[in-house]
Amino acid sequence: METHISFGSVGAALLLMTAALIAQDSVQAGTYKGQWTGATASGDIHITFRANGSGNLSPEVGFTLGDQEVTCKVLSFQAEGAKFKLVYEFAAQGTVLQSATEATMKGKTIEGTYKTTAGDQAIDSGTWKATAP
């Protein structure tokens, strides 16, 4: 019995496997919950990525500061493969603050760093990690 394997079918299989691996480590729609840790505080964080009408993702961010839930306004979001940059602002104790984060998605987990400023003054920096169910 003679077995014939065409290079076309092998190439197609490799292409599908590669596409599946790339999609696995790219920013995916869903809700991710976890913890953030800064120099002076820590708390919970949650980020939801929703597909918008243009085929891109729109993030929503919130976290806890002490026993307060903080809602954020997303100012910018850039994703490239498994990495993204996100800038958002929020109010704390009457002051408008801005956080810039850089993160990487690995499977269903996102890990990142952040820097929080008030104008040009550094306020806090730290790390965070969140996972989708």
C-alpha atoms as a PDB file:
ATOM      1  CA  MET A   1       0.000   0.000   0.000  1.00  0.00           C
ATOM      2  CA  GLU A   2       1.402   3.317  -1.066  1.00  0.00           C
ATOM      3  CA  THR A   3       0.830   6.502   0.987  1.00  0.00           C
ATOM      4  CA  HIS A   4       0.834   9.883  -0.696  1.00  0.00           C
ATOM      5  CA  ILE A   5       1.161  13.061   1.317  1.00  0.00           C
ATOM      6  CA  SER A   6       0.762  16.272  -0.577  1.00  0.00           C
ATOM      7  CA  PHE A   7       2.761  19.259   0.494  1.00  0.00           C
ATOM      8  CA  GLY A   8      -0.376  21.366   0.047  1.00  0.00           C
ATOM      9  CA  SER A   9      -2.258  19.503   2.783  1.00  0.00           C
ATOM     10  CA  VAL A  10       0.778  19.588   5.110  1.00  0.00           C
ATOM     11  CA  GLY A  11       1.182  23.324   4.453  1.00  0.00           C
ATOM     12  CA  ALA A  12      -2.500  23.955   5.134  1.00  0.00           C
ATOM     13  CA  ALA A  13      -2.309  22.031   8.409  1.00  0.00           C
ATOM     14  CA  LEU A  14       0.769  24.000   9.495  1.00  0.00           C
ATOM     15  CA  LEU A  15      -0.948  27.270   8.600  1.00  0.00           C
ATOM     16  CA  LEU A  16      -4.010  26.371  10.696  1.00  0.00           C
ATOM     17  CA  MET A  17      -1.848  25.341  13.665  1.00  0.00           C
ATOM     18  CA  THR A  18       0.157  28.575  13.432  1.00  0.00           C
ATOM     19  CA  ALA A  19      -3.018  30.677  13.272  1.00  0.00           C
ATOM     20  CA  ALA A  20      -4.403  28.880  16.341  1.00  0.00           C
ATOM     21  CA  LEU A  21      -1.194  29.528  18.302  1.00  0.00           C
ATOM     22  CA  ILE A  22      -1.120  33.196  17.323  1.00  0.00           C
ATOM     23  CA  ALA A  23      -4.762  33.671  18.343  1.00  0.00           C
ATOM     24  CA  GLN A  24      -4.105  31.951  21.664  1.00  0.00           C
ATOM     25  CA  ASP A  25      -1.516  34.568  22.630  1.00  0.00           C
ATOM     26  CA  SER A  26      -3.277  37.690  21.447  1.00  0.00           C
ATOM     27  CA  VAL A  27      -5.552  39.990  23.392  1.00  0.00           C
ATOM     28  CA  GLN A  28      -8.917  38.239  23.580  1.00  0.00           C
ATOM     29  CA  ALA A  29     -12.412  39.511  24.406  1.00  0.00           C
ATOM     30  CA  GLY A  30     -13.517  38.627  27.927  1.00  0.00           C
ATOM     31  CA  THR A  31     -13.332  39.672  31.563  1.00  0.00           C
ATOM     32  CA  TYR A  32     -10.079  39.278  33.471  1.00  0.00           C
ATOM     33  CA  LYS A  33      -9.923  39.578  37.255  1.00  0.00           C
ATOM     34  CA  GLY A  34      -6.928  39.634  39.541  1.00  0.00           C
ATOM     35  CA  GLN A  35      -4.703  41.675  41.840  1.00  0.00           C
ATOM     36  CA  TRP A  36      -2.528  44.758  41.588  1.00  0.00           C
ATOM     37  CA  THR A  37       0.361  45.583  43.920  1.00  0.00           C
ATOM     38  CA  GLY A  38       1.987  48.993  44.189  1.00  0.00           C
ATOM     39  CA  ALA A  39       4.608  50.599  46.386  1.00  0.00           C
ATOM     40  CA  THR A  40       2.089  51.717  49.029  1.00  0.00           C
ATOM     41  CA  ALA A  41      -1.114  49.759  48.389  1.00  0.00           C
ATOM     42  CA  SER A  42      -2.701  46.772  46.665  1.00  0.00           C
ATOM     43  CA  GLY A  43      -6.153  45.626  45.613  1.00  0.00           C
ATOM     44  CA  ASP A  44      -8.341  43.926  43.050  1.00  0.00           C
ATOM     45  CA  ILE A  45      -8.373  44.765  39.347  1.00  0.00           C
ATOM     46  CA  HIS A  46     -10.759  43.851  36.557  1.00  0.00           C
ATOM     47  CA  ILE A  47     -10.470  44.495  32.838  1.00  0.00           C
ATOM     48  CA  THR A  48     -13.111  43.649  30.275  1.00  0.00           C
ATOM     49  CA  PHE A  49     -12.325  43.609  26.559  1.00  0.00           C
ATOM     50  CA  ARG A  50     -15.405  43.879  24.338  1.00  0.00           C
ATOM     51  CA  ALA A  51     -15.486  43.559  20.559  1.00  0.00           C
ATOM     52  CA  ASN A  52     -16.656  46.797  18.999  1.00  0.00           C
ATOM     53  CA  GLY A  53     -18.377  47.237  15.652  1.00  0.00           C
ATOM     54  CA  SER A  54     -15.122  47.829  13.758  1.00  0.00           C
ATOM     55  CA  GLY A  55     -13.596  44.469  14.680  1.00  0.00           C
ATOM     56  CA  ASN A  56     -11.332  45.865  17.407  1.00  0.00           C
ATOM     57  CA  LEU A  57     -11.451  45.467  21.171  1.00  0.00           C
ATOM     58  CA  SER A  58     -12.553  48.186  23.598  1.00  0.00           C
ATOM     59  CA  PRO A  59     -11.323  47.853  27.202  1.00  0.00           C
ATOM     60  CA  GLU A  60     -13.107  48.796  30.426  1.00  0.00           C
ATOM     61  CA  VAL A  61     -10.996  49.036  33.604  1.00  0.00           C
ATOM     62  CA  GLY A  62     -11.814  49.161  37.299  1.00  0.00           C
ATOM     63  CA  PHE A  63     -10.024  48.385  40.542  1.00  0.00           C
ATOM     64  CA  THR A  64     -10.298  48.679  44.286  1.00  0.00           C
ATOM     65  CA  LEU A  65      -8.410  51.226  46.346  1.00  0.00           C
ATOM     66  CA  GLY A  66      -8.859  50.399  50.002  1.00  0.00           C
ATOM     67  CA  ASP A  67     -12.519  49.430  50.292  1.00  0.00           C
ATOM     68  CA  GLN A  68     -13.596  51.652  47.365  1.00  0.00           C
ATOM     69  CA  GLU A  69     -14.384  50.531  43.824  1.00  0.00           C
ATOM     70  CA  VAL A  70     -12.708  52.893  41.334  1.00  0.00           C
ATOM     71  CA  THR A  71     -14.136  53.310  37.836  1.00  0.00           C
ATOM     72  CA  CYS A  72     -11.710  54.389  35.125  1.00  0.00           C
ATOM     73  CA  LYS A  73     -12.011  56.300  31.866  1.00  0.00           C
ATOM     74  CA  VAL A  74      -9.888  54.683  29.141  1.00  0.00           C
ATOM     75  CA  LEU A  75      -7.884  57.319  27.260  1.00  0.00           C
ATOM     76  CA  SER A  76      -5.959  55.072  24.858  1.00  0.00           C
ATOM     77  CA  PHE A  77      -5.504  51.413  23.997  1.00  0.00           C
ATOM     78  CA  GLN A  78      -3.022  49.833  21.593  1.00  0.00           C
ATOM     79  CA  ALA A  79      -2.734  46.084  21.082  1.00  0.00           C
ATOM     80  CA  GLU A  80      -0.164  44.239  19.026  1.00  0.00           C
ATOM     81  CA  GLY A  81      -0.373  40.473  19.206  1.00  0.00           C
ATOM     82  CA  ALA A  82      -0.131  39.403  22.841  1.00  0.00           C
ATOM     83  CA  LYS A  83       1.065  42.800  24.105  1.00  0.00           C
ATOM     84  CA  PHE A  84      -0.891  45.946  24.795  1.00  0.00           C
ATOM     85  CA  LYS A  85      -0.558  49.454  26.190  1.00  0.00           C
ATOM     86  CA  LEU A  86      -3.441  51.045  28.041  1.00  0.00           C
ATOM     87  CA  VAL A  87      -3.797  54.531  29.540  1.00  0.00           C
ATOM     88  CA  TYR A  88      -6.714  55.415  31.812  1.00  0.00           C
ATOM     89  CA  GLU A  89      -7.655  58.114  34.294  1.00  0.00           C
ATOM     90  CA  PHE A  90      -9.545  58.033  37.559  1.00  0.00           C
ATOM     91  CA  ALA A  91     -10.248  60.197  40.602  1.00  0.00           C
ATOM     92  CA  ALA A  92      -8.851  59.446  44.061  1.00  0.00           C
ATOM     93  CA  GLN A  93      -9.285  61.729  47.056  1.00  0.00           C
ATOM     94  CA  GLY A  94     -10.410  64.568  44.788  1.00  0.00           C
ATOM     95  CA  THR A  95      -7.397  64.338  42.462  1.00  0.00           C
ATOM     96  CA  VAL A  96      -7.514  63.153  38.855  1.00  0.00           C
ATOM     97  CA  LEU A  97      -4.798  60.563  38.320  1.00  0.00           C
ATOM     98  CA  GLN A  98      -3.610  58.772  35.215  1.00  0.00           C
ATOM     99  CA  SER A  99      -2.176  55.265  34.930  1.00  0.00           C
ATOM    100  CA  ALA A 100      -0.229  53.874  31.995  1.00  0.00           C
ATOM    101  CA  THR A 101       0.122  50.115  31.816  1.00  0.00           C
ATOM    102  CA  GLU A 102       2.004  47.720  29.573  1.00  0.00           C
ATOM    103  CA  ALA A 103       0.950  44.095  29.639  1.00  0.00           C
ATOM    104  CA  THR A 104       1.299  40.734  27.948  1.00  0.00           C
ATOM    105  CA  MET A 105      -1.342  38.050  27.521  1.00  0.00           C
ATOM    106  CA  LYS A 106      -0.313  34.425  28.006  1.00  0.00           C
ATOM    107  CA  GLY A 107      -3.226  32.073  27.428  1.00  0.00           C
ATOM    108  CA  LYS A 108      -6.003  33.311  29.739  1.00  0.00           C
ATOM    109  CA  THR A 109      -3.680  35.351  31.956  1.00  0.00           C
ATOM    110  CA  ILE A 110      -2.547  38.949  31.604  1.00  0.00           C
ATOM    111  CA  GLU A 111       0.522  40.252  33.462  1.00  0.00           C
ATOM    112  CA  GLY A 112       1.615  43.860  33.434  1.00  0.00           C
ATOM    113  CA  THR A 113       3.210  46.867  35.042  1.00  0.00           C
ATOM    114  CA  TYR A 114       1.721  50.295  35.661  1.00  0.00           C
ATOM    115  CA  LYS A 115       2.816  53.832  36.498  1.00  0.00           C
ATOM    116  CA  THR A 116       0.402  56.335  38.021  1.00  0.00           C
ATOM    117  CA  THR A 117       0.911  60.079  37.755  1.00  0.00           C
ATOM    118  CA  ALA A 118      -0.819  63.324  38.716  1.00  0.00           C
ATOM    119  CA  GLY A 119       0.223  65.698  35.965  1.00  0.00           C
ATOM    120  CA  ASP A 120       3.995  65.268  35.768  1.00  0.00           C
ATOM    121  CA  GLN A 121       4.346  63.997  39.348  1.00  0.00           C
ATOM    122  CA  ALA A 122       4.916  60.249  39.891  1.00  0.00           C
ATOM    123  CA  ILE A 123       2.413  58.828  42.393  1.00  0.00           C
ATOM    124  CA  ASP A 124       2.822  55.031  42.307  1.00  0.00           C
ATOM    125  CA  SER A 125       4.043  52.136  40.212  1.00  0.00           C
ATOM    126  CA  GLY A 126       3.696  48.395  40.452  1.00  0.00           C
ATOM    127  CA  THR A 127       2.550  45.168  38.864  1.00  0.00           C
ATOM    128  CA  TRP A 128      -0.734  43.410  38.218  1.00  0.00           C
ATOM    129  CA  LYS A 129      -1.993  40.044  37.087  1.00  0.00           C
ATOM    130  CA  ALA A 130      -5.490  39.036  35.989  1.00  0.00           C
ATOM    131  CA  THR A 131      -7.027  35.829  34.653  1.00  0.00           C
ATOM    132  CA  ALA A 132     -10.175  34.980  32.672  1.00  0.00           C
ATOM    133  CA  PRO A 133     -12.332  32.129  34.016  1.00  0.00           C
END
